[in-house]
Amino acid sequence: MSVRVYSGLGEVTRAHFMGTDGFVVGPDTPLIRLFRTWEERRRGPLLYERQVLLTDALLAELVGYMHIVDVQSDAPDRFFFQSYGFRARVAEAANFTGRRLDEIPCPGYRSFVQDSYAMVKTSGTAVLSRIATTHLDYTGTYHRLVYPLTDDGRHVTHLGVAVCHPD
């Protein structure tokens, strides 16, 4: 577990990286169910990108709060959102589908996203985080699960990202 703080002009993001050990046995949430599904369906260390991870019930809870990120580039600022959840917004009316991470408008938040996605790509393991952030028109706390995916069976080529706002 580690805590990192990222900041820029008028923005602060505090990320508590919890790994996966501490939350798998915790209270039942959509992110825990998604993590368990990822664990059950993968063959070896990685899960193929095209494999379905969502049950109907889980889909109903997470639809709009999930992204697929292409991480085939060696440079995290060149990673891009293959799809971006329509309910997850870093800025009002933002849609990052097809856009690179270096296009996230807030420097501190952008650094946090690039670092955390690169960490999952490099480690090949899922990471749960609790994020408290203030940037642009958003202030709040949310939980996020980032898990590695592959399209070739050997390398992390994509990330699945799901966010959940605690009650």
N, C-alpha and C. Protein backbone atom coordinates (compact mmCIF):
# COMPACT_ATOMS: atom_id res chain seq x y z
N MET A 1 0.84 -1.18 0.00
CA MET A 1 0.00 0.00 0.00
C MET A 1 0.88 1.24 0.00
N SER A 2 0.47 2.22 -0.78
CA SER A 2 1.20 3.47 -0.78
C SER A 2 0.23 4.61 -1.06
N VAL A 3 0.63 5.79 -0.63
CA VAL A 3 -0.16 6.99 -0.88
C VAL A 3 0.72 7.94 -1.69
N ARG A 4 0.16 8.48 -2.74
CA ARG A 4 0.87 9.46 -3.56
C ARG A 4 -0.02 10.67 -3.76
N VAL A 5 0.60 11.82 -3.81
CA VAL A 5 -0.14 13.07 -4.03
C VAL A 5 0.38 13.71 -5.31
N TYR A 6 -0.55 14.12 -6.16
CA TYR A 6 -0.25 14.79 -7.42
C TYR A 6 -0.95 16.14 -7.38
N SER A 7 -0.28 17.18 -7.82
CA SER A 7 -0.93 18.49 -7.78
C SER A 7 -0.54 19.35 -8.96
N GLY A 8 -1.37 20.31 -9.23
CA GLY A 8 -1.15 21.30 -10.27
C GLY A 8 -1.88 22.56 -9.82
N LEU A 9 -1.93 23.56 -10.65
CA LEU A 9 -2.58 24.80 -10.30
C LEU A 9 -4.08 24.56 -10.05
N GLY A 10 -4.51 24.72 -8.81
CA GLY A 10 -5.91 24.55 -8.45
C GLY A 10 -6.40 23.13 -8.43
N GLU A 11 -5.51 22.16 -8.39
CA GLU A 11 -5.94 20.76 -8.38
C GLU A 11 -5.04 19.95 -7.46
N VAL A 12 -5.64 18.99 -6.80
CA VAL A 12 -4.91 18.05 -5.94
C VAL A 12 -5.55 16.69 -6.08
N THR A 13 -4.73 15.67 -6.28
CA THR A 13 -5.22 14.29 -6.32
C THR A 13 -4.40 13.49 -5.34
N ARG A 14 -5.07 12.84 -4.40
CA ARG A 14 -4.42 11.96 -3.43
C ARG A 14 -4.89 10.54 -3.74
N ALA A 15 -3.94 9.67 -4.07
CA ALA A 15 -4.26 8.30 -4.43
C ALA A 15 -3.70 7.35 -3.40
N HIS A 16 -4.54 6.48 -2.89
CA HIS A 16 -4.16 5.44 -1.94
C HIS A 16 -4.21 4.13 -2.70
N PHE A 17 -3.04 3.62 -3.10
CA PHE A 17 -2.97 2.37 -3.84
C PHE A 17 -3.03 1.22 -2.85
N MET A 18 -4.09 0.42 -2.94
CA MET A 18 -4.34 -0.61 -1.95
C MET A 18 -3.95 -2.00 -2.42
N GLY A 19 -3.47 -2.16 -3.64
CA GLY A 19 -3.19 -3.51 -4.12
C GLY A 19 -4.49 -4.29 -4.22
N THR A 20 -4.41 -5.59 -4.09
CA THR A 20 -5.62 -6.38 -4.14
C THR A 20 -5.83 -7.22 -2.89
N ASP A 21 -4.81 -7.42 -2.09
CA ASP A 21 -4.95 -8.29 -0.91
C ASP A 21 -5.99 -7.78 0.06
N GLY A 22 -6.01 -6.49 0.32
CA GLY A 22 -6.87 -5.95 1.35
C GLY A 22 -8.32 -5.82 0.99
N PHE A 23 -8.66 -5.77 -0.29
CA PHE A 23 -10.06 -5.53 -0.61
C PHE A 23 -10.82 -6.77 -1.04
N VAL A 24 -10.14 -7.84 -1.38
CA VAL A 24 -10.83 -9.04 -1.85
C VAL A 24 -11.68 -9.65 -0.75
N VAL A 25 -11.26 -9.51 0.49
CA VAL A 25 -12.01 -10.07 1.60
C VAL A 25 -12.91 -9.04 2.26
N GLY A 26 -12.92 -7.82 1.75
CA GLY A 26 -13.71 -6.74 2.34
C GLY A 26 -15.17 -6.83 1.95
N PRO A 27 -15.90 -5.75 2.18
CA PRO A 27 -17.32 -5.72 1.85
C PRO A 27 -17.54 -5.93 0.36
N ASP A 28 -18.67 -6.52 0.02
CA ASP A 28 -18.99 -6.82 -1.36
C ASP A 28 -19.31 -5.52 -2.11
N THR A 29 -18.62 -5.27 -3.21
CA THR A 29 -18.87 -4.11 -4.06
C THR A 29 -18.76 -4.57 -5.51
N PRO A 30 -19.23 -3.75 -6.45
CA PRO A 30 -19.07 -4.12 -7.86
C PRO A 30 -17.61 -4.32 -8.25
N LEU A 31 -16.69 -3.54 -7.70
CA LEU A 31 -15.28 -3.69 -8.06
C LEU A 31 -14.71 -5.01 -7.55
N ILE A 32 -15.14 -5.45 -6.37
CA ILE A 32 -14.69 -6.74 -5.85
C ILE A 32 -15.21 -7.87 -6.74
N ARG A 33 -16.47 -7.78 -7.14
CA ARG A 33 -17.02 -8.81 -8.02
C ARG A 33 -16.32 -8.82 -9.37
N LEU A 34 -15.99 -7.64 -9.90
CA LEU A 34 -15.26 -7.56 -11.16
C LEU A 34 -13.87 -8.17 -11.00
N PHE A 35 -13.18 -7.86 -9.91
CA PHE A 35 -11.85 -8.43 -9.67
C PHE A 35 -11.92 -9.96 -9.59
N ARG A 36 -12.90 -10.47 -8.85
CA ARG A 36 -13.04 -11.93 -8.73
C ARG A 36 -13.31 -12.58 -10.08
N THR A 37 -14.12 -11.93 -10.91
CA THR A 37 -14.39 -12.45 -12.24
C THR A 37 -13.12 -12.46 -13.07
N TRP A 38 -12.33 -11.39 -13.00
CA TRP A 38 -11.05 -11.33 -13.72
C TRP A 38 -10.14 -12.47 -13.27
N GLU A 39 -10.04 -12.68 -11.95
CA GLU A 39 -9.21 -13.75 -11.40
C GLU A 39 -9.66 -15.13 -11.90
N GLU A 40 -10.98 -15.36 -11.93
CA GLU A 40 -11.51 -16.67 -12.31
C GLU A 40 -11.35 -16.95 -13.80
N ARG A 41 -11.43 -15.94 -14.64
CA ARG A 41 -11.47 -16.16 -16.08
C ARG A 41 -10.10 -16.12 -16.77
N ARG A 42 -9.11 -15.56 -16.14
CA ARG A 42 -7.82 -15.46 -16.82
C ARG A 42 -7.13 -16.81 -16.84
N ARG A 43 -6.36 -17.02 -17.87
CA ARG A 43 -5.56 -18.23 -18.02
C ARG A 43 -4.11 -17.79 -17.88
N GLY A 44 -3.44 -18.20 -16.84
CA GLY A 44 -2.09 -17.70 -16.58
C GLY A 44 -2.19 -16.30 -16.00
N PRO A 45 -1.18 -15.47 -16.22
CA PRO A 45 -1.18 -14.17 -15.58
C PRO A 45 -2.09 -13.13 -16.22
N LEU A 46 -2.51 -13.35 -17.48
CA LEU A 46 -3.27 -12.33 -18.19
C LEU A 46 -4.59 -12.86 -18.72
N LEU A 47 -5.51 -11.93 -18.97
CA LEU A 47 -6.81 -12.24 -19.54
C LEU A 47 -6.88 -11.59 -20.91
N TYR A 48 -7.40 -12.33 -21.88
CA TYR A 48 -7.52 -11.76 -23.22
C TYR A 48 -8.52 -10.62 -23.23
N GLU A 49 -8.19 -9.57 -23.96
CA GLU A 49 -9.01 -8.36 -24.02
C GLU A 49 -10.43 -8.67 -24.48
N ARG A 50 -10.60 -9.59 -25.40
CA ARG A 50 -11.92 -9.86 -25.97
C ARG A 50 -12.82 -10.71 -25.06
N GLN A 51 -12.27 -11.23 -23.96
CA GLN A 51 -13.09 -12.04 -23.06
C GLN A 51 -14.04 -11.16 -22.27
N VAL A 52 -15.25 -11.63 -22.11
CA VAL A 52 -16.26 -10.88 -21.38
C VAL A 52 -16.03 -11.04 -19.89
N LEU A 53 -16.08 -9.91 -19.17
CA LEU A 53 -15.87 -9.95 -17.73
C LEU A 53 -17.13 -9.65 -16.94
N LEU A 54 -18.17 -9.25 -17.61
CA LEU A 54 -19.33 -8.74 -16.87
C LEU A 54 -20.52 -9.68 -16.94
N THR A 55 -21.10 -9.93 -15.79
CA THR A 55 -22.40 -10.59 -15.74
C THR A 55 -23.45 -9.51 -15.95
N ASP A 56 -24.68 -9.88 -16.19
CA ASP A 56 -25.73 -8.87 -16.38
C ASP A 56 -25.86 -7.95 -15.17
N ALA A 57 -25.80 -8.52 -13.97
CA ALA A 57 -25.95 -7.71 -12.76
C ALA A 57 -24.78 -6.75 -12.60
N LEU A 58 -23.58 -7.24 -12.85
CA LEU A 58 -22.39 -6.40 -12.73
C LEU A 58 -22.40 -5.31 -13.80
N LEU A 59 -22.80 -5.66 -15.00
CA LEU A 59 -22.89 -4.69 -16.08
C LEU A 59 -23.84 -3.56 -15.71
N ALA A 60 -24.96 -3.90 -15.12
CA ALA A 60 -25.94 -2.88 -14.73
C ALA A 60 -25.34 -1.89 -13.73
N GLU A 61 -24.47 -2.38 -12.84
CA GLU A 61 -23.87 -1.50 -11.83
C GLU A 61 -22.72 -0.67 -12.38
N LEU A 62 -21.98 -1.20 -13.35
CA LEU A 62 -20.75 -0.54 -13.79
C LEU A 62 -20.84 0.11 -15.17
N VAL A 63 -21.92 -0.14 -15.91
CA VAL A 63 -22.01 0.43 -17.25
C VAL A 63 -21.86 1.95 -17.15
N GLY A 64 -21.07 2.48 -18.02
CA GLY A 64 -20.82 3.91 -18.01
C GLY A 64 -19.65 4.33 -17.15
N TYR A 65 -19.17 3.42 -16.31
CA TYR A 65 -18.05 3.73 -15.42
C TYR A 65 -16.81 2.91 -15.77
N MET A 66 -16.73 2.41 -17.00
CA MET A 66 -15.61 1.56 -17.39
C MET A 66 -14.92 2.11 -18.63
N HIS A 67 -13.61 1.88 -18.70
CA HIS A 67 -12.81 2.27 -19.86
C HIS A 67 -11.97 1.08 -20.30
N ILE A 68 -11.59 1.08 -21.56
CA ILE A 68 -10.54 0.20 -22.07
C ILE A 68 -9.44 1.12 -22.56
N VAL A 69 -8.23 0.90 -22.07
CA VAL A 69 -7.09 1.75 -22.41
C VAL A 69 -6.07 0.92 -23.19
N ASP A 70 -5.68 1.40 -24.34
CA ASP A 70 -4.65 0.76 -25.14
C ASP A 70 -3.30 1.23 -24.60
N VAL A 71 -2.48 0.27 -24.12
CA VAL A 71 -1.19 0.59 -23.51
C VAL A 71 -0.03 -0.04 -24.28
N GLN A 72 -0.18 -0.19 -25.58
CA GLN A 72 0.86 -0.82 -26.38
C GLN A 72 2.09 0.07 -26.58
N SER A 73 1.94 1.37 -26.42
CA SER A 73 3.08 2.28 -26.52
C SER A 73 4.00 2.10 -25.31
N ASP A 74 5.27 2.40 -25.48
CA ASP A 74 6.21 2.38 -24.35
C ASP A 74 6.12 3.65 -23.51
N ALA A 75 5.48 4.69 -24.03
CA ALA A 75 5.37 5.97 -23.34
C ALA A 75 3.96 6.15 -22.79
N PRO A 76 3.79 6.24 -21.46
CA PRO A 76 2.45 6.37 -20.88
C PRO A 76 1.64 7.55 -21.41
N ASP A 77 2.28 8.64 -21.81
CA ASP A 77 1.51 9.76 -22.34
C ASP A 77 0.89 9.43 -23.70
N ARG A 78 1.35 8.34 -24.34
CA ARG A 78 0.81 7.89 -25.62
C ARG A 78 -0.25 6.80 -25.48
N PHE A 79 -0.47 6.31 -24.26
CA PHE A 79 -1.59 5.38 -24.03
C PHE A 79 -2.86 6.14 -24.44
N PHE A 80 -3.86 5.40 -24.94
CA PHE A 80 -5.09 6.11 -25.30
C PHE A 80 -6.32 5.31 -24.90
N PHE A 81 -7.41 6.04 -24.72
CA PHE A 81 -8.68 5.44 -24.34
C PHE A 81 -9.33 4.85 -25.59
N GLN A 82 -9.37 3.53 -25.65
CA GLN A 82 -10.06 2.86 -26.75
C GLN A 82 -11.56 3.06 -26.59
N SER A 83 -12.02 3.04 -25.36
CA SER A 83 -13.40 3.41 -25.03
C SER A 83 -13.37 4.09 -23.67
N TYR A 84 -14.28 5.02 -23.47
CA TYR A 84 -14.30 5.82 -22.24
C TYR A 84 -15.73 5.85 -21.71
N GLY A 85 -15.91 5.47 -20.45
CA GLY A 85 -17.23 5.41 -19.85
C GLY A 85 -17.96 6.74 -19.88
N PHE A 86 -19.18 6.73 -20.33
CA PHE A 86 -19.93 7.97 -20.51
C PHE A 86 -20.31 8.65 -19.21
N ARG A 87 -20.25 7.94 -18.08
CA ARG A 87 -20.55 8.56 -16.79
C ARG A 87 -19.31 9.00 -16.03
N ALA A 88 -18.15 8.59 -16.47
CA ALA A 88 -16.90 8.93 -15.79
C ALA A 88 -16.29 10.13 -16.50
N ARG A 89 -16.30 11.25 -15.87
CA ARG A 89 -15.85 12.48 -16.51
C ARG A 89 -14.81 13.18 -15.65
N VAL A 90 -13.69 13.56 -16.26
CA VAL A 90 -12.72 14.39 -15.56
C VAL A 90 -13.04 15.86 -15.78
N ALA A 91 -13.88 16.15 -16.72
CA ALA A 91 -14.33 17.50 -17.00
C ALA A 91 -15.75 17.41 -17.54
N GLU A 92 -16.56 18.41 -17.26
CA GLU A 92 -17.93 18.38 -17.71
C GLU A 92 -17.99 18.19 -19.23
N ALA A 93 -18.80 17.25 -19.65
CA ALA A 93 -19.03 16.94 -21.07
C ALA A 93 -17.79 16.37 -21.77
N ALA A 94 -16.80 15.90 -21.02
CA ALA A 94 -15.61 15.33 -21.65
C ALA A 94 -15.89 13.91 -22.10
N ASN A 95 -15.38 13.57 -23.26
CA ASN A 95 -15.40 12.20 -23.75
C ASN A 95 -14.00 11.93 -24.29
N PHE A 96 -13.28 11.03 -23.64
CA PHE A 96 -11.90 10.79 -24.02
C PHE A 96 -11.72 9.59 -24.95
N THR A 97 -12.80 9.02 -25.46
CA THR A 97 -12.68 7.90 -26.40
C THR A 97 -11.80 8.33 -27.58
N GLY A 98 -10.75 7.52 -27.84
CA GLY A 98 -9.84 7.80 -28.94
C GLY A 98 -8.77 8.83 -28.61
N ARG A 99 -8.76 9.36 -27.40
CA ARG A 99 -7.79 10.39 -27.03
C ARG A 99 -6.68 9.81 -26.16
N ARG A 100 -5.51 10.42 -26.26
CA ARG A 100 -4.35 9.98 -25.48
C ARG A 100 -4.40 10.54 -24.06
N LEU A 101 -3.66 9.87 -23.18
CA LEU A 101 -3.61 10.34 -21.79
C LEU A 101 -3.02 11.73 -21.69
N ASP A 102 -2.12 12.10 -22.58
CA ASP A 102 -1.53 13.44 -22.49
C ASP A 102 -2.53 14.54 -22.84
N GLU A 103 -3.76 14.16 -23.21
CA GLU A 103 -4.80 15.14 -23.49
C GLU A 103 -5.69 15.41 -22.28
N ILE A 104 -5.46 14.72 -21.16
CA ILE A 104 -6.20 15.02 -19.94
C ILE A 104 -5.80 16.44 -19.52
N PRO A 105 -6.77 17.34 -19.31
CA PRO A 105 -6.44 18.76 -19.17
C PRO A 105 -5.76 19.17 -17.86
N CYS A 106 -5.78 18.38 -16.84
CA CYS A 106 -5.22 18.76 -15.53
C CYS A 106 -3.87 18.07 -15.34
N PRO A 107 -2.77 18.83 -15.23
CA PRO A 107 -1.44 18.22 -15.16
C PRO A 107 -1.25 17.24 -13.99
N GLY A 108 -1.74 17.58 -12.80
CA GLY A 108 -1.59 16.68 -11.66
C GLY A 108 -2.38 15.39 -11.84
N TYR A 109 -3.63 15.53 -12.23
CA TYR A 109 -4.47 14.35 -12.45
C TYR A 109 -3.93 13.52 -13.60
N ARG A 110 -3.47 14.17 -14.66
CA ARG A 110 -2.88 13.47 -15.80
C ARG A 110 -1.67 12.65 -15.35
N SER A 111 -0.79 13.22 -14.53
CA SER A 111 0.38 12.49 -14.02
C SER A 111 -0.04 11.27 -13.21
N PHE A 112 -1.06 11.45 -12.37
CA PHE A 112 -1.58 10.33 -11.57
C PHE A 112 -2.07 9.20 -12.48
N VAL A 113 -2.87 9.52 -13.49
CA VAL A 113 -3.42 8.50 -14.38
C VAL A 113 -2.29 7.80 -15.14
N GLN A 114 -1.36 8.56 -15.69
CA GLN A 114 -0.24 7.96 -16.43
C GLN A 114 0.58 7.04 -15.54
N ASP A 115 0.93 7.50 -14.33
CA ASP A 115 1.73 6.69 -13.41
C ASP A 115 1.02 5.40 -13.02
N SER A 116 -0.25 5.52 -12.68
CA SER A 116 -0.97 4.34 -12.19
C SER A 116 -1.23 3.34 -13.31
N TYR A 117 -1.52 3.79 -14.53
CA TYR A 117 -1.71 2.87 -15.64
C TYR A 117 -0.39 2.19 -16.00
N ALA A 118 0.72 2.96 -15.99
CA ALA A 118 2.04 2.37 -16.28
C ALA A 118 2.41 1.33 -15.23
N MET A 119 2.03 1.56 -13.96
CA MET A 119 2.31 0.62 -12.89
C MET A 119 1.62 -0.72 -13.15
N VAL A 120 0.37 -0.69 -13.57
CA VAL A 120 -0.37 -1.93 -13.84
C VAL A 120 0.20 -2.61 -15.09
N LYS A 121 0.53 -1.84 -16.12
CA LYS A 121 1.12 -2.43 -17.33
C LYS A 121 2.42 -3.15 -16.99
N THR A 122 3.28 -2.50 -16.22
CA THR A 122 4.59 -3.06 -15.88
C THR A 122 4.49 -4.28 -14.97
N SER A 123 3.62 -4.20 -13.96
CA SER A 123 3.50 -5.29 -12.98
C SER A 123 2.65 -6.45 -13.49
N GLY A 124 1.70 -6.16 -14.38
CA GLY A 124 0.79 -7.20 -14.86
C GLY A 124 -0.21 -7.65 -13.81
N THR A 125 -0.38 -6.86 -12.76
CA THR A 125 -1.34 -7.21 -11.70
C THR A 125 -2.39 -6.12 -11.56
N ALA A 126 -3.55 -6.52 -11.10
CA ALA A 126 -4.64 -5.57 -10.87
C ALA A 126 -4.34 -4.73 -9.64
N VAL A 127 -4.81 -3.49 -9.66
CA VAL A 127 -4.62 -2.58 -8.53
C VAL A 127 -5.92 -1.85 -8.25
N LEU A 128 -6.30 -1.83 -6.98
CA LEU A 128 -7.43 -1.05 -6.52
C LEU A 128 -6.89 0.20 -5.86
N SER A 129 -7.52 1.33 -6.13
CA SER A 129 -7.11 2.60 -5.52
C SER A 129 -8.33 3.33 -4.98
N ARG A 130 -8.08 4.09 -3.93
CA ARG A 130 -9.08 5.06 -3.44
C ARG A 130 -8.52 6.42 -3.79
N ILE A 131 -9.28 7.20 -4.54
CA ILE A 131 -8.79 8.47 -5.06
C ILE A 131 -9.66 9.60 -4.54
N ALA A 132 -9.02 10.59 -3.95
CA ALA A 132 -9.70 11.82 -3.55
C ALA A 132 -9.09 12.91 -4.42
N THR A 133 -9.93 13.63 -5.16
CA THR A 133 -9.39 14.59 -6.11
C THR A 133 -10.25 15.83 -6.24
N THR A 134 -9.60 16.91 -6.58
CA THR A 134 -10.24 18.16 -6.96
C THR A 134 -9.55 18.62 -8.23
N HIS A 135 -10.28 18.67 -9.32
CA HIS A 135 -9.75 19.16 -10.58
C HIS A 135 -10.91 19.62 -11.46
N LEU A 136 -10.68 20.72 -12.16
CA LEU A 136 -11.71 21.34 -12.98
C LEU A 136 -13.01 21.46 -12.20
N ASP A 137 -14.07 20.82 -12.69
CA ASP A 137 -15.37 20.95 -12.02
C ASP A 137 -15.72 19.74 -11.16
N TYR A 138 -14.74 18.92 -10.81
CA TYR A 138 -15.01 17.70 -10.04
C TYR A 138 -14.26 17.75 -8.71
N THR A 139 -14.98 17.47 -7.64
CA THR A 139 -14.39 17.25 -6.33
C THR A 139 -15.07 16.04 -5.75
N GLY A 140 -14.29 15.04 -5.35
CA GLY A 140 -14.91 13.85 -4.78
C GLY A 140 -13.92 12.74 -4.54
N THR A 141 -14.47 11.63 -4.06
CA THR A 141 -13.68 10.43 -3.79
C THR A 141 -14.33 9.28 -4.54
N TYR A 142 -13.50 8.44 -5.12
CA TYR A 142 -14.01 7.26 -5.79
C TYR A 142 -13.01 6.13 -5.67
N HIS A 143 -13.46 4.92 -5.93
CA HIS A 143 -12.59 3.74 -5.95
C HIS A 143 -12.42 3.34 -7.41
N ARG A 144 -11.23 2.82 -7.72
CA ARG A 144 -10.96 2.46 -9.10
C ARG A 144 -10.19 1.14 -9.13
N LEU A 145 -10.63 0.23 -10.00
CA LEU A 145 -9.92 -1.02 -10.25
C LEU A 145 -9.33 -0.93 -11.65
N VAL A 146 -8.01 -1.17 -11.75
CA VAL A 146 -7.34 -1.23 -13.04
C VAL A 146 -6.77 -2.63 -13.16
N TYR A 147 -7.10 -3.34 -14.25
CA TYR A 147 -6.62 -4.71 -14.41
C TYR A 147 -6.05 -4.90 -15.81
N PRO A 148 -4.98 -5.70 -15.91
CA PRO A 148 -4.30 -5.88 -17.19
C PRO A 148 -5.04 -6.86 -18.11
N LEU A 149 -4.96 -6.57 -19.41
CA LEU A 149 -5.54 -7.43 -20.44
C LEU A 149 -4.50 -7.64 -21.54
N THR A 150 -4.69 -8.65 -22.36
CA THR A 150 -3.75 -8.95 -23.43
C THR A 150 -4.50 -9.26 -24.72
N ASP A 151 -3.88 -9.01 -25.84
CA ASP A 151 -4.46 -9.49 -27.10
C ASP A 151 -3.53 -10.49 -27.77
N ASP A 152 -2.36 -10.75 -27.15
CA ASP A 152 -1.44 -11.72 -27.72
C ASP A 152 -1.06 -12.85 -26.76
N GLY A 153 -1.60 -12.82 -25.55
CA GLY A 153 -1.33 -13.88 -24.57
C GLY A 153 -0.03 -13.75 -23.82
N ARG A 154 0.81 -12.78 -24.18
CA ARG A 154 2.12 -12.65 -23.53
C ARG A 154 2.36 -11.28 -22.91
N HIS A 155 1.86 -10.22 -23.53
CA HIS A 155 2.16 -8.87 -23.09
C HIS A 155 0.88 -8.14 -22.68
N VAL A 156 1.01 -7.23 -21.73
CA VAL A 156 -0.13 -6.38 -21.38
C VAL A 156 -0.28 -5.38 -22.51
N THR A 157 -1.41 -5.44 -23.21
CA THR A 157 -1.66 -4.56 -24.34
C THR A 157 -2.79 -3.57 -24.07
N HIS A 158 -3.64 -3.92 -23.10
CA HIS A 158 -4.78 -3.07 -22.75
C HIS A 158 -4.99 -3.13 -21.25
N LEU A 159 -5.70 -2.15 -20.75
CA LEU A 159 -6.12 -2.15 -19.35
C LEU A 159 -7.64 -2.01 -19.31
N GLY A 160 -8.25 -2.75 -18.40
CA GLY A 160 -9.65 -2.53 -18.07
C GLY A 160 -9.66 -1.62 -16.85
N VAL A 161 -10.51 -0.60 -16.88
CA VAL A 161 -10.59 0.35 -15.78
C VAL A 161 -12.06 0.48 -15.39
N ALA A 162 -12.34 0.34 -14.11
CA ALA A 162 -13.71 0.52 -13.61
C ALA A 162 -13.66 1.41 -12.39
N VAL A 163 -14.60 2.34 -12.30
CA VAL A 163 -14.68 3.22 -11.14
C VAL A 163 -16.01 3.02 -10.44
N CYS A 164 -16.01 3.27 -9.15
CA CYS A 164 -17.21 3.11 -8.34
C CYS A 164 -17.19 4.21 -7.28
N HIS A 165 -18.30 4.90 -7.16
CA HIS A 165 -18.41 5.96 -6.16
C HIS A 165 -19.04 5.40 -4.90
N PRO A 166 -18.31 5.43 -3.77
CA PRO A 166 -18.85 4.83 -2.54
C PRO A 166 -20.10 5.60 -2.07
N ASP A 167 -20.98 4.86 -1.45
CA ASP A 167 -22.22 5.49 -0.93
C ASP A 167 -21.93 6.33 0.29
